[in-house]
Amino acid sequence: MAAGCARRPDPTFDPTVTLEDGTRIRLELIGPADRADLLAGFEGLSRRSRYLRFFSAMPTLSAHLVDSLLNTDADHHVAIGARLIDANGRVEPPIIGVARYFRSEGSDDTVEPAVAVVDELHGRGLGLALLKAMTRHARSRGIVKMRAHALADNDRIRRILAESNAVLVERDGPVMVYDVDIRSQRNRDNLVELGKMFKETQLTDATVKHGRR
């Protein structure tokens, strides 16, 4: 890891996840010390994946954007990074997936989530694992709603959002805005169903507000 030392696990989610194919993953909150690992992971995103995550091809990450992505805290901007655990139990440096949320401006109980996974791990359940960890963390901070954003031309993602009982609340040009209430068991189950899109579509990010983040 970039920081070169073990970190205290976050109590709201399991730090070790085993995917369906047996791949072991380490989940941790990330911040400025993870800059090199985040940049290494960005190289694992295809042009299409970068477009879906940032709403543009985004050939490189600017220093300003990297600063923004890693300017995290315990409450308003939370980011959970995923790294591979090798056969010897060592955590490998590149960040291969990230789930993050931002408190919505002017709201204490709503967040805007985003999830991205490197192309090599599409369809293997990592996006769902990250989404679950992010949701547990958000609920522990009193969050009751996630406001998800999806491109209007991404028909499969929009269909899955609709089937997950997400409520369409706004359209901003090519971006569709949905709300998912995470308080009840039923709605938490709906959010898990929403997370299955990462396996079903092998796409990286259907829940992101703006390409600037």
N, C-alpha and C. Protein backbone atom coordinates (compact mmCIF):
# COMPACT_ATOMS: atom_id res chain seq x y z
N MET A 1 0.82 -1.19 0.00
CA MET A 1 0.00 0.00 0.00
C MET A 1 0.86 1.25 0.00
N ALA A 2 0.27 2.33 -0.47
CA ALA A 2 1.05 3.56 -0.59
C ALA A 2 1.56 4.03 0.76
N ALA A 3 0.74 3.89 1.78
CA ALA A 3 1.14 4.39 3.08
C ALA A 3 2.18 3.50 3.74
N GLY A 4 2.30 2.27 3.29
CA GLY A 4 3.33 1.38 3.78
C GLY A 4 3.07 0.81 5.15
N CYS A 5 1.82 0.87 5.63
CA CYS A 5 1.53 0.31 6.94
C CYS A 5 0.06 -0.12 6.99
N ALA A 6 -0.23 -0.99 7.95
CA ALA A 6 -1.60 -1.45 8.11
C ALA A 6 -2.45 -0.34 8.69
N ARG A 7 -3.74 -0.37 8.37
CA ARG A 7 -4.66 0.64 8.87
C ARG A 7 -5.71 -0.02 9.74
N ARG A 8 -6.32 0.77 10.60
CA ARG A 8 -7.39 0.26 11.43
C ARG A 8 -8.62 0.07 10.55
N PRO A 9 -9.21 -1.14 10.54
CA PRO A 9 -10.40 -1.38 9.71
C PRO A 9 -11.55 -0.48 10.12
N ASP A 10 -12.35 -0.06 9.17
CA ASP A 10 -13.55 0.69 9.50
C ASP A 10 -14.59 -0.28 10.06
N PRO A 11 -15.22 0.05 11.17
CA PRO A 11 -16.14 -0.90 11.80
C PRO A 11 -17.46 -1.10 11.07
N THR A 12 -17.75 -0.29 10.07
CA THR A 12 -19.06 -0.39 9.42
C THR A 12 -19.11 -1.40 8.30
N PHE A 13 -17.97 -1.91 7.85
CA PHE A 13 -17.99 -2.92 6.79
C PHE A 13 -16.82 -3.88 6.97
N ASP A 14 -16.96 -5.07 6.38
CA ASP A 14 -15.94 -6.10 6.48
C ASP A 14 -14.76 -5.70 5.60
N PRO A 15 -13.55 -5.63 6.13
CA PRO A 15 -12.40 -5.20 5.32
C PRO A 15 -11.93 -6.24 4.31
N THR A 16 -12.28 -7.49 4.50
CA THR A 16 -11.87 -8.55 3.58
C THR A 16 -13.09 -9.15 2.91
N VAL A 17 -13.08 -9.17 1.58
CA VAL A 17 -14.19 -9.69 0.80
C VAL A 17 -13.67 -10.75 -0.15
N THR A 18 -14.41 -11.85 -0.27
CA THR A 18 -14.07 -12.88 -1.24
C THR A 18 -15.13 -12.88 -2.34
N LEU A 19 -14.70 -12.65 -3.58
CA LEU A 19 -15.63 -12.62 -4.70
C LEU A 19 -16.06 -14.03 -5.07
N GLU A 20 -17.04 -14.14 -5.93
CA GLU A 20 -17.60 -15.44 -6.29
C GLU A 20 -16.56 -16.39 -6.89
N ASP A 21 -15.56 -15.84 -7.55
CA ASP A 21 -14.55 -16.69 -8.18
C ASP A 21 -13.37 -16.97 -7.24
N GLY A 22 -13.48 -16.56 -5.98
CA GLY A 22 -12.42 -16.82 -5.01
C GLY A 22 -11.42 -15.69 -4.85
N THR A 23 -11.49 -14.68 -5.68
CA THR A 23 -10.58 -13.54 -5.56
C THR A 23 -10.81 -12.83 -4.24
N ARG A 24 -9.72 -12.57 -3.51
CA ARG A 24 -9.83 -11.90 -2.22
C ARG A 24 -9.48 -10.42 -2.37
N ILE A 25 -10.26 -9.59 -1.71
CA ILE A 25 -10.18 -8.14 -1.85
C ILE A 25 -10.07 -7.50 -0.47
N ARG A 26 -9.26 -6.46 -0.38
CA ARG A 26 -9.15 -5.65 0.83
C ARG A 26 -9.87 -4.33 0.60
N LEU A 27 -10.79 -3.98 1.49
CA LEU A 27 -11.52 -2.72 1.42
C LEU A 27 -11.08 -1.81 2.55
N GLU A 28 -10.77 -0.56 2.22
CA GLU A 28 -10.34 0.42 3.23
C GLU A 28 -10.77 1.81 2.82
N LEU A 29 -10.99 2.66 3.80
CA LEU A 29 -11.17 4.08 3.51
C LEU A 29 -9.87 4.63 2.94
N ILE A 30 -9.96 5.47 1.92
CA ILE A 30 -8.76 6.02 1.30
C ILE A 30 -8.74 7.53 1.39
N GLY A 31 -7.52 8.08 1.21
CA GLY A 31 -7.33 9.52 1.30
C GLY A 31 -6.06 9.92 0.58
N PRO A 32 -5.48 11.08 0.91
CA PRO A 32 -4.33 11.62 0.19
C PRO A 32 -3.13 10.68 0.08
N ALA A 33 -2.91 9.82 1.07
CA ALA A 33 -1.76 8.91 1.03
C ALA A 33 -1.88 7.86 -0.07
N ASP A 34 -3.05 7.74 -0.67
CA ASP A 34 -3.30 6.70 -1.68
C ASP A 34 -3.19 7.22 -3.11
N ARG A 35 -2.58 8.35 -3.29
CA ARG A 35 -2.53 8.99 -4.61
C ARG A 35 -1.92 8.09 -5.69
N ALA A 36 -0.74 7.54 -5.43
CA ALA A 36 -0.07 6.72 -6.43
C ALA A 36 -0.89 5.48 -6.77
N ASP A 37 -1.50 4.87 -5.78
CA ASP A 37 -2.29 3.67 -6.00
C ASP A 37 -3.56 3.98 -6.79
N LEU A 38 -4.16 5.15 -6.55
CA LEU A 38 -5.34 5.55 -7.31
C LEU A 38 -4.99 5.78 -8.77
N LEU A 39 -3.89 6.46 -9.02
CA LEU A 39 -3.46 6.72 -10.40
C LEU A 39 -3.14 5.42 -11.12
N ALA A 40 -2.53 4.46 -10.42
CA ALA A 40 -2.23 3.16 -11.03
C ALA A 40 -3.52 2.45 -11.41
N GLY A 41 -4.52 2.53 -10.55
CA GLY A 41 -5.78 1.90 -10.86
C GLY A 41 -6.51 2.56 -12.01
N PHE A 42 -6.37 3.88 -12.15
CA PHE A 42 -7.02 4.59 -13.25
C PHE A 42 -6.59 4.05 -14.61
N GLU A 43 -5.35 3.59 -14.68
CA GLU A 43 -4.85 3.03 -15.94
C GLU A 43 -5.60 1.76 -16.33
N GLY A 44 -6.29 1.13 -15.38
CA GLY A 44 -7.05 -0.07 -15.67
C GLY A 44 -8.46 0.18 -16.17
N LEU A 45 -8.82 1.45 -16.34
CA LEU A 45 -10.13 1.80 -16.88
C LEU A 45 -10.03 2.06 -18.38
N SER A 46 -10.89 1.40 -19.15
CA SER A 46 -10.92 1.63 -20.59
C SER A 46 -11.51 2.99 -20.90
N ARG A 47 -11.43 3.39 -22.16
CA ARG A 47 -12.02 4.66 -22.59
C ARG A 47 -13.52 4.70 -22.28
N ARG A 48 -14.21 3.59 -22.53
CA ARG A 48 -15.65 3.52 -22.26
C ARG A 48 -15.92 3.63 -20.76
N SER A 49 -15.13 2.95 -19.96
CA SER A 49 -15.32 3.00 -18.51
C SER A 49 -15.07 4.41 -17.97
N ARG A 50 -14.07 5.08 -18.52
CA ARG A 50 -13.80 6.46 -18.08
C ARG A 50 -14.95 7.39 -18.46
N TYR A 51 -15.51 7.15 -19.63
CA TYR A 51 -16.65 7.96 -20.07
C TYR A 51 -17.83 7.77 -19.11
N LEU A 52 -18.12 6.53 -18.74
CA LEU A 52 -19.23 6.26 -17.85
C LEU A 52 -18.99 6.82 -16.45
N ARG A 53 -17.74 6.83 -16.02
CA ARG A 53 -17.42 7.34 -14.68
C ARG A 53 -17.38 8.85 -14.62
N PHE A 54 -16.72 9.47 -15.63
CA PHE A 54 -16.49 10.92 -15.58
C PHE A 54 -17.32 11.70 -16.59
N PHE A 55 -18.16 11.00 -17.37
CA PHE A 55 -18.98 11.61 -18.40
C PHE A 55 -18.13 12.27 -19.48
N SER A 56 -16.90 11.81 -19.62
CA SER A 56 -16.02 12.22 -20.71
C SER A 56 -14.95 11.15 -20.85
N ALA A 57 -14.21 11.19 -21.96
CA ALA A 57 -13.18 10.15 -22.19
C ALA A 57 -12.08 10.20 -21.15
N MET A 58 -11.78 11.40 -20.62
CA MET A 58 -10.84 11.58 -19.52
C MET A 58 -9.54 10.78 -19.73
N PRO A 59 -8.69 11.18 -20.72
CA PRO A 59 -7.46 10.42 -20.96
C PRO A 59 -6.51 10.40 -19.78
N THR A 60 -6.52 11.46 -18.98
CA THR A 60 -5.68 11.51 -17.78
C THR A 60 -6.47 12.19 -16.66
N LEU A 61 -6.01 11.99 -15.45
CA LEU A 61 -6.58 12.68 -14.31
C LEU A 61 -5.70 13.89 -13.99
N SER A 62 -6.30 15.05 -13.97
CA SER A 62 -5.53 16.24 -13.62
C SER A 62 -5.17 16.20 -12.14
N ALA A 63 -4.12 16.93 -11.79
CA ALA A 63 -3.71 16.99 -10.39
C ALA A 63 -4.83 17.54 -9.53
N HIS A 64 -5.56 18.52 -10.05
CA HIS A 64 -6.68 19.10 -9.30
C HIS A 64 -7.76 18.07 -9.04
N LEU A 65 -8.09 17.26 -10.06
CA LEU A 65 -9.13 16.25 -9.89
C LEU A 65 -8.69 15.17 -8.91
N VAL A 66 -7.43 14.74 -9.00
CA VAL A 66 -6.93 13.75 -8.05
C VAL A 66 -7.02 14.28 -6.63
N ASP A 67 -6.64 15.54 -6.45
CA ASP A 67 -6.75 16.16 -5.13
C ASP A 67 -8.19 16.10 -4.62
N SER A 68 -9.13 16.40 -5.52
CA SER A 68 -10.55 16.40 -5.15
C SER A 68 -11.02 14.99 -4.79
N LEU A 69 -10.59 14.00 -5.56
CA LEU A 69 -11.02 12.62 -5.31
C LEU A 69 -10.48 12.08 -4.00
N LEU A 70 -9.33 12.60 -3.57
CA LEU A 70 -8.70 12.10 -2.34
C LEU A 70 -8.89 13.04 -1.14
N ASN A 71 -9.60 14.12 -1.35
CA ASN A 71 -9.87 15.05 -0.25
C ASN A 71 -11.07 14.53 0.55
N THR A 72 -10.85 13.44 1.26
CA THR A 72 -11.92 12.76 1.96
C THR A 72 -11.92 13.09 3.45
N ASP A 73 -13.03 12.76 4.09
CA ASP A 73 -13.13 12.89 5.54
C ASP A 73 -14.04 11.77 6.04
N ALA A 74 -14.39 11.81 7.30
CA ALA A 74 -15.15 10.71 7.88
C ALA A 74 -16.65 10.85 7.70
N ASP A 75 -17.09 11.96 7.12
CA ASP A 75 -18.52 12.23 7.13
C ASP A 75 -19.09 12.76 5.82
N HIS A 76 -18.47 13.78 5.23
CA HIS A 76 -19.05 14.44 4.06
C HIS A 76 -18.57 13.88 2.73
N HIS A 77 -17.35 13.44 2.66
CA HIS A 77 -16.83 12.82 1.44
C HIS A 77 -16.07 11.57 1.86
N VAL A 78 -16.69 10.44 1.65
CA VAL A 78 -16.12 9.15 2.05
C VAL A 78 -15.79 8.35 0.81
N ALA A 79 -14.60 7.76 0.77
CA ALA A 79 -14.19 6.92 -0.35
C ALA A 79 -13.63 5.61 0.18
N ILE A 80 -14.13 4.51 -0.36
CA ILE A 80 -13.66 3.17 0.01
C ILE A 80 -12.93 2.60 -1.19
N GLY A 81 -11.66 2.26 -1.00
CA GLY A 81 -10.85 1.71 -2.07
C GLY A 81 -10.70 0.20 -1.93
N ALA A 82 -10.61 -0.49 -3.07
CA ALA A 82 -10.43 -1.93 -3.10
C ALA A 82 -9.06 -2.27 -3.69
N ARG A 83 -8.37 -3.22 -3.06
CA ARG A 83 -7.11 -3.73 -3.57
C ARG A 83 -7.14 -5.25 -3.54
N LEU A 84 -6.39 -5.86 -4.43
CA LEU A 84 -6.30 -7.32 -4.47
C LEU A 84 -5.43 -7.84 -3.33
N ILE A 85 -5.77 -8.99 -2.80
CA ILE A 85 -4.93 -9.72 -1.85
C ILE A 85 -4.33 -10.89 -2.60
N ASP A 86 -2.99 -11.01 -2.63
CA ASP A 86 -2.36 -12.07 -3.41
C ASP A 86 -2.40 -13.40 -2.66
N ALA A 87 -1.86 -14.44 -3.30
CA ALA A 87 -1.91 -15.79 -2.75
C ALA A 87 -1.18 -15.92 -1.42
N ASN A 88 -0.25 -15.01 -1.16
CA ASN A 88 0.50 -15.03 0.09
C ASN A 88 -0.10 -14.13 1.16
N GLY A 89 -1.28 -13.56 0.87
CA GLY A 89 -1.96 -12.72 1.85
C GLY A 89 -1.51 -11.28 1.85
N ARG A 90 -0.68 -10.90 0.87
CA ARG A 90 -0.22 -9.51 0.79
C ARG A 90 -1.21 -8.67 -0.03
N VAL A 91 -1.40 -7.43 0.40
CA VAL A 91 -2.28 -6.52 -0.31
C VAL A 91 -1.48 -5.83 -1.41
N GLU A 92 -1.95 -5.94 -2.66
CA GLU A 92 -1.25 -5.35 -3.79
C GLU A 92 -1.59 -3.86 -3.90
N PRO A 93 -0.65 -3.03 -4.36
CA PRO A 93 -0.83 -1.57 -4.30
C PRO A 93 -1.95 -0.96 -5.13
N PRO A 94 -2.12 -1.29 -6.42
CA PRO A 94 -3.10 -0.51 -7.19
C PRO A 94 -4.51 -0.59 -6.62
N ILE A 95 -5.21 0.51 -6.66
CA ILE A 95 -6.61 0.52 -6.27
C ILE A 95 -7.43 0.09 -7.48
N ILE A 96 -8.14 -1.01 -7.35
CA ILE A 96 -8.84 -1.62 -8.49
C ILE A 96 -10.33 -1.28 -8.51
N GLY A 97 -10.79 -0.60 -7.49
CA GLY A 97 -12.18 -0.18 -7.46
C GLY A 97 -12.38 0.84 -6.34
N VAL A 98 -13.32 1.74 -6.54
CA VAL A 98 -13.61 2.77 -5.54
C VAL A 98 -15.12 2.98 -5.46
N ALA A 99 -15.63 3.06 -4.25
CA ALA A 99 -16.99 3.54 -4.01
C ALA A 99 -16.88 4.77 -3.13
N ARG A 100 -17.56 5.82 -3.49
CA ARG A 100 -17.49 7.06 -2.72
C ARG A 100 -18.87 7.69 -2.65
N TYR A 101 -19.06 8.52 -1.63
CA TYR A 101 -20.27 9.33 -1.59
C TYR A 101 -19.94 10.72 -1.07
N PHE A 102 -20.73 11.67 -1.56
CA PHE A 102 -20.65 13.07 -1.15
C PHE A 102 -21.98 13.46 -0.53
N ARG A 103 -21.96 14.15 0.58
CA ARG A 103 -23.20 14.71 1.11
C ARG A 103 -23.73 15.72 0.10
N SER A 104 -25.01 15.60 -0.21
CA SER A 104 -25.62 16.54 -1.14
C SER A 104 -25.64 17.94 -0.53
N GLU A 105 -25.42 18.92 -1.37
CA GLU A 105 -25.36 20.30 -0.88
C GLU A 105 -26.69 20.69 -0.24
N GLY A 106 -26.61 21.19 0.97
CA GLY A 106 -27.79 21.64 1.68
C GLY A 106 -28.60 20.53 2.32
N SER A 107 -28.07 19.28 2.35
CA SER A 107 -28.81 18.17 2.93
C SER A 107 -27.95 17.42 3.92
N ASP A 108 -28.56 17.02 5.04
CA ASP A 108 -27.84 16.25 6.04
C ASP A 108 -28.04 14.75 5.89
N ASP A 109 -29.04 14.33 5.10
CA ASP A 109 -29.36 12.91 5.06
C ASP A 109 -29.35 12.30 3.66
N THR A 110 -28.83 13.04 2.68
CA THR A 110 -28.78 12.55 1.30
C THR A 110 -27.36 12.62 0.77
N VAL A 111 -26.94 11.57 0.06
CA VAL A 111 -25.60 11.56 -0.52
C VAL A 111 -25.68 11.22 -2.00
N GLU A 112 -24.64 11.61 -2.70
CA GLU A 112 -24.49 11.30 -4.13
C GLU A 112 -23.38 10.26 -4.26
N PRO A 113 -23.72 9.03 -4.66
CA PRO A 113 -22.73 7.96 -4.70
C PRO A 113 -22.08 7.81 -6.06
N ALA A 114 -20.93 7.18 -6.07
CA ALA A 114 -20.22 6.84 -7.31
C ALA A 114 -19.43 5.57 -7.09
N VAL A 115 -19.42 4.69 -8.08
CA VAL A 115 -18.66 3.45 -8.00
C VAL A 115 -17.95 3.23 -9.33
N ALA A 116 -16.69 2.83 -9.28
CA ALA A 116 -15.94 2.50 -10.48
C ALA A 116 -15.06 1.28 -10.20
N VAL A 117 -14.94 0.40 -11.20
CA VAL A 117 -14.14 -0.82 -11.09
C VAL A 117 -13.31 -0.97 -12.35
N VAL A 118 -12.05 -1.37 -12.21
CA VAL A 118 -11.20 -1.56 -13.38
C VAL A 118 -11.79 -2.65 -14.28
N ASP A 119 -11.57 -2.52 -15.58
CA ASP A 119 -12.20 -3.41 -16.54
C ASP A 119 -11.88 -4.88 -16.31
N GLU A 120 -10.69 -5.18 -15.86
CA GLU A 120 -10.28 -6.57 -15.67
C GLU A 120 -11.18 -7.31 -14.69
N LEU A 121 -11.83 -6.56 -13.78
CA LEU A 121 -12.66 -7.19 -12.76
C LEU A 121 -14.15 -6.99 -12.99
N HIS A 122 -14.53 -6.54 -14.17
CA HIS A 122 -15.95 -6.41 -14.47
C HIS A 122 -16.64 -7.77 -14.40
N GLY A 123 -17.85 -7.76 -13.90
CA GLY A 123 -18.65 -8.98 -13.90
C GLY A 123 -18.28 -9.99 -12.83
N ARG A 124 -17.46 -9.59 -11.85
CA ARG A 124 -17.01 -10.55 -10.84
C ARG A 124 -17.51 -10.21 -9.43
N GLY A 125 -18.36 -9.19 -9.33
CA GLY A 125 -18.99 -8.89 -8.06
C GLY A 125 -18.32 -7.83 -7.22
N LEU A 126 -17.24 -7.23 -7.72
CA LEU A 126 -16.55 -6.22 -6.92
C LEU A 126 -17.39 -4.96 -6.77
N GLY A 127 -18.07 -4.54 -7.83
CA GLY A 127 -18.91 -3.35 -7.74
C GLY A 127 -19.99 -3.51 -6.69
N LEU A 128 -20.59 -4.69 -6.63
CA LEU A 128 -21.62 -4.96 -5.64
C LEU A 128 -21.05 -4.93 -4.23
N ALA A 129 -19.87 -5.52 -4.04
CA ALA A 129 -19.23 -5.51 -2.72
C ALA A 129 -18.93 -4.09 -2.26
N LEU A 130 -18.44 -3.26 -3.18
CA LEU A 130 -18.16 -1.87 -2.85
C LEU A 130 -19.44 -1.11 -2.51
N LEU A 131 -20.49 -1.36 -3.28
CA LEU A 131 -21.75 -0.68 -3.04
C LEU A 131 -22.32 -1.05 -1.67
N LYS A 132 -22.22 -2.31 -1.29
CA LYS A 132 -22.70 -2.74 0.02
C LYS A 132 -21.92 -2.05 1.13
N ALA A 133 -20.60 -2.02 1.01
CA ALA A 133 -19.77 -1.38 2.04
C ALA A 133 -20.09 0.09 2.15
N MET A 134 -20.26 0.76 1.00
CA MET A 134 -20.57 2.18 1.01
C MET A 134 -21.92 2.44 1.67
N THR A 135 -22.91 1.58 1.37
CA THR A 135 -24.23 1.76 1.94
C THR A 135 -24.21 1.59 3.45
N ARG A 136 -23.49 0.59 3.94
CA ARG A 136 -23.40 0.38 5.38
C ARG A 136 -22.74 1.58 6.07
N HIS A 137 -21.69 2.09 5.46
CA HIS A 137 -21.03 3.26 6.03
C HIS A 137 -21.97 4.45 6.06
N ALA A 138 -22.68 4.66 4.96
CA ALA A 138 -23.60 5.81 4.87
C ALA A 138 -24.70 5.71 5.92
N ARG A 139 -25.28 4.52 6.09
CA ARG A 139 -26.33 4.38 7.09
C ARG A 139 -25.82 4.66 8.49
N SER A 140 -24.56 4.29 8.76
CA SER A 140 -23.99 4.53 10.08
C SER A 140 -23.82 6.01 10.36
N ARG A 141 -23.83 6.83 9.30
CA ARG A 141 -23.70 8.28 9.45
C ARG A 141 -25.04 8.99 9.34
N GLY A 142 -26.14 8.25 9.41
CA GLY A 142 -27.46 8.85 9.39
C GLY A 142 -28.00 9.15 8.01
N ILE A 143 -27.38 8.61 6.97
CA ILE A 143 -27.86 8.83 5.60
C ILE A 143 -29.11 7.99 5.36
N VAL A 144 -30.12 8.58 4.74
CA VAL A 144 -31.36 7.86 4.45
C VAL A 144 -31.63 7.73 2.96
N LYS A 145 -30.92 8.51 2.14
CA LYS A 145 -31.23 8.50 0.71
C LYS A 145 -29.95 8.62 -0.11
N MET A 146 -29.91 7.88 -1.21
CA MET A 146 -28.85 8.03 -2.20
C MET A 146 -29.45 8.59 -3.47
N ARG A 147 -28.83 9.63 -3.98
CA ARG A 147 -29.29 10.27 -5.22
C ARG A 147 -28.34 9.85 -6.34
N ALA A 148 -28.84 8.98 -7.22
CA ALA A 148 -28.02 8.37 -8.26
C ALA A 148 -28.21 9.07 -9.59
N HIS A 149 -27.13 9.17 -10.37
CA HIS A 149 -27.16 9.82 -11.68
C HIS A 149 -26.72 8.83 -12.74
N ALA A 150 -27.43 8.80 -13.84
CA ALA A 150 -27.10 7.88 -14.93
C ALA A 150 -27.29 8.59 -16.26
N LEU A 151 -26.46 8.26 -17.23
CA LEU A 151 -26.60 8.83 -18.56
C LEU A 151 -27.90 8.34 -19.21
N ALA A 152 -28.60 9.24 -19.87
CA ALA A 152 -29.89 8.91 -20.45
C ALA A 152 -29.80 7.87 -21.55
N ASP A 153 -28.65 7.79 -22.22
CA ASP A 153 -28.52 6.82 -23.31
C ASP A 153 -28.06 5.44 -22.82
N ASN A 154 -27.92 5.29 -21.51
CA ASN A 154 -27.54 4.00 -20.94
C ASN A 154 -28.83 3.26 -20.57
N ASP A 155 -29.48 2.67 -21.58
CA ASP A 155 -30.80 2.09 -21.40
C ASP A 155 -30.81 0.96 -20.38
N ARG A 156 -29.77 0.12 -20.37
CA ARG A 156 -29.77 -1.02 -19.47
C ARG A 156 -29.69 -0.57 -18.02
N ILE A 157 -28.86 0.44 -17.76
CA ILE A 157 -28.74 0.93 -16.39
C ILE A 157 -30.05 1.58 -15.95
N ARG A 158 -30.66 2.35 -16.81
CA ARG A 158 -31.92 2.97 -16.46
C ARG A 158 -32.99 1.93 -16.19
N ARG A 159 -33.01 0.86 -16.96
CA ARG A 159 -33.99 -0.20 -16.74
C ARG A 159 -33.76 -0.86 -15.37
N ILE A 160 -32.51 -1.12 -15.04
CA ILE A 160 -32.20 -1.76 -13.76
C ILE A 160 -32.56 -0.83 -12.60
N LEU A 161 -32.30 0.46 -12.77
CA LEU A 161 -32.69 1.42 -11.74
C LEU A 161 -34.20 1.41 -11.54
N ALA A 162 -34.94 1.37 -12.64
CA ALA A 162 -36.40 1.35 -12.55
C ALA A 162 -36.88 0.08 -11.86
N GLU A 163 -36.27 -1.05 -12.22
CA GLU A 163 -36.68 -2.32 -11.62
C GLU A 163 -36.30 -2.39 -10.14
N SER A 164 -35.35 -1.56 -9.73
CA SER A 164 -34.95 -1.52 -8.32
C SER A 164 -35.78 -0.53 -7.52
N ASN A 165 -36.88 -0.03 -8.12
CA ASN A 165 -37.78 0.92 -7.46
C ASN A 165 -37.12 2.26 -7.16
N ALA A 166 -36.05 2.58 -7.86
CA ALA A 166 -35.49 3.92 -7.76
C ALA A 166 -36.49 4.90 -8.39
N VAL A 167 -36.59 6.08 -7.82
CA VAL A 167 -37.57 7.07 -8.27
C VAL A 167 -36.87 8.13 -9.11
N LEU A 168 -37.33 8.32 -10.34
CA LEU A 168 -36.78 9.38 -11.19
C LEU A 168 -37.26 10.72 -10.67
N VAL A 169 -36.32 11.60 -10.32
CA VAL A 169 -36.69 12.88 -9.73
C VAL A 169 -36.31 14.08 -10.59
N GLU A 170 -35.44 13.88 -11.56
CA GLU A 170 -34.97 15.04 -12.33
C GLU A 170 -34.27 14.55 -13.60
N ARG A 171 -34.29 15.41 -14.61
CA ARG A 171 -33.46 15.18 -15.79
C ARG A 171 -32.69 16.44 -16.08
N ASP A 172 -31.36 16.30 -16.15
CA ASP A 172 -30.47 17.43 -16.40
C ASP A 172 -29.73 17.16 -17.71
N GLY A 173 -30.33 17.57 -18.83
CA GLY A 173 -29.73 17.27 -20.13
C GLY A 173 -29.67 15.76 -20.34
N PRO A 174 -28.47 15.22 -20.59
CA PRO A 174 -28.35 13.77 -20.82
C PRO A 174 -28.31 12.94 -19.55
N VAL A 175 -28.42 13.59 -18.39
CA VAL A 175 -28.27 12.89 -17.11
C VAL A 175 -29.63 12.72 -16.44
N MET A 176 -29.95 11.46 -16.08
CA MET A 176 -31.16 11.14 -15.35
C MET A 176 -30.82 11.02 -13.87
N VAL A 177 -31.67 11.57 -13.02
CA VAL A 177 -31.40 11.60 -11.59
C VAL A 177 -32.46 10.76 -10.86
N TYR A 178 -31.99 9.82 -10.04
CA TYR A 178 -32.87 8.90 -9.32
C TYR A 178 -32.59 8.96 -7.82
N ASP A 179 -33.62 8.73 -7.03
CA ASP A 179 -33.47 8.62 -5.58
C ASP A 179 -33.73 7.19 -5.13
N VAL A 180 -32.89 6.71 -4.20
CA VAL A 180 -33.08 5.41 -3.58
C VAL A 180 -33.07 5.60 -2.07
N ASP A 181 -34.19 5.29 -1.41
CA ASP A 181 -34.28 5.38 0.05
C ASP A 181 -33.67 4.11 0.63
N ILE A 182 -32.70 4.26 1.53
CA ILE A 182 -31.99 3.08 2.06
C ILE A 182 -32.38 2.76 3.51
N ARG A 183 -33.47 3.32 4.01
CA ARG A 183 -33.82 3.10 5.42
C ARG A 183 -34.46 1.74 5.66
N SER A 184 -35.43 1.36 4.85
CA SER A 184 -36.16 0.12 5.10
C SER A 184 -35.40 -1.08 4.55
N GLN A 185 -35.72 -2.26 5.08
CA GLN A 185 -35.11 -3.48 4.58
C GLN A 185 -35.42 -3.66 3.11
N ARG A 186 -36.65 -3.36 2.72
CA ARG A 186 -37.04 -3.52 1.31
C ARG A 186 -36.19 -2.64 0.41
N ASN A 187 -36.02 -1.39 0.82
CA ASN A 187 -35.26 -0.49 -0.02
C ASN A 187 -33.77 -0.81 0.00
N ARG A 188 -33.28 -1.35 1.13
CA ARG A 188 -31.89 -1.79 1.15
C ARG A 188 -31.71 -2.95 0.19
N ASP A 189 -32.71 -3.84 0.15
CA ASP A 189 -32.65 -4.94 -0.81
C ASP A 189 -32.69 -4.42 -2.24
N ASN A 190 -33.49 -3.36 -2.46
CA ASN A 190 -33.54 -2.77 -3.79
C ASN A 190 -32.17 -2.23 -4.19
N LEU A 191 -31.46 -1.64 -3.22
CA LEU A 191 -30.15 -1.10 -3.52
C LEU A 191 -29.17 -2.21 -3.87
N VAL A 192 -29.29 -3.34 -3.20
CA VAL A 192 -28.45 -4.49 -3.54
C VAL A 192 -28.76 -4.94 -4.96
N GLU A 193 -30.05 -4.97 -5.30
CA GLU A 193 -30.42 -5.33 -6.67
C GLU A 193 -29.82 -4.33 -7.66
N LEU A 194 -29.85 -3.05 -7.27
CA LEU A 194 -29.25 -2.01 -8.12
C LEU A 194 -27.77 -2.31 -8.32
N GLY A 195 -27.11 -2.79 -7.26
CA GLY A 195 -25.70 -3.09 -7.36
C GLY A 195 -25.39 -4.22 -8.31
N LYS A 196 -26.37 -5.09 -8.58
CA LYS A 196 -26.11 -6.20 -9.49
C LYS A 196 -25.84 -5.74 -10.92
N MET A 197 -26.13 -4.47 -11.19
CA MET A 197 -25.86 -3.96 -12.53
C MET A 197 -24.38 -4.09 -12.87
N PHE A 198 -23.51 -4.05 -11.86
CA PHE A 198 -22.08 -4.14 -12.14
C PHE A 198 -21.72 -5.52 -12.70
N LYS A 199 -22.48 -6.53 -12.30
CA LYS A 199 -22.23 -7.87 -12.83
C LYS A 199 -22.97 -8.09 -14.14
N GLU A 200 -24.22 -7.61 -14.21
CA GLU A 200 -25.05 -7.89 -15.36
C GLU A 200 -24.63 -7.13 -16.61
N THR A 201 -24.14 -5.91 -16.43
CA THR A 201 -23.82 -5.09 -17.59
C THR A 201 -22.34 -4.98 -17.86
N GLN A 202 -21.50 -5.35 -16.88
CA GLN A 202 -20.05 -5.21 -16.99
C GLN A 202 -19.66 -3.78 -17.33
N LEU A 203 -20.37 -2.85 -16.71
CA LEU A 203 -20.05 -1.44 -16.84
C LEU A 203 -19.61 -0.95 -15.48
N THR A 204 -18.99 0.23 -15.46
CA THR A 204 -18.38 0.64 -14.21
C THR A 204 -19.19 1.57 -13.35
N ASP A 205 -19.93 2.52 -13.92
CA ASP A 205 -20.45 3.54 -13.02
C ASP A 205 -21.77 4.06 -13.50
N ALA A 206 -22.85 3.72 -12.79
CA ALA A 206 -24.15 4.26 -13.12
C ALA A 206 -24.63 5.21 -12.05
N THR A 207 -23.85 5.39 -10.99
CA THR A 207 -24.29 6.24 -9.89
C THR A 207 -23.25 7.30 -9.61
N VAL A 208 -23.23 8.32 -10.45
CA VAL A 208 -22.25 9.39 -10.30
C VAL A 208 -22.91 10.69 -10.70
N LYS A 209 -22.62 11.73 -10.01
CA LYS A 209 -23.29 12.99 -10.32
C LYS A 209 -22.67 13.67 -11.51
N HIS A 210 -21.44 14.14 -11.39
CA HIS A 210 -20.81 14.92 -12.44
C HIS A 210 -19.47 14.33 -12.79
N GLY A 211 -19.03 14.49 -14.04
CA GLY A 211 -17.72 14.02 -14.44
C GLY A 211 -16.58 14.70 -13.73
N ARG A 212 -16.86 15.81 -13.08
CA ARG A 212 -15.79 16.54 -12.39
C ARG A 212 -15.32 15.82 -11.14
N ARG A 213 -16.09 14.85 -10.66
CA ARG A 213 -15.74 14.21 -9.39
C ARG A 213 -15.15 12.86 -9.65
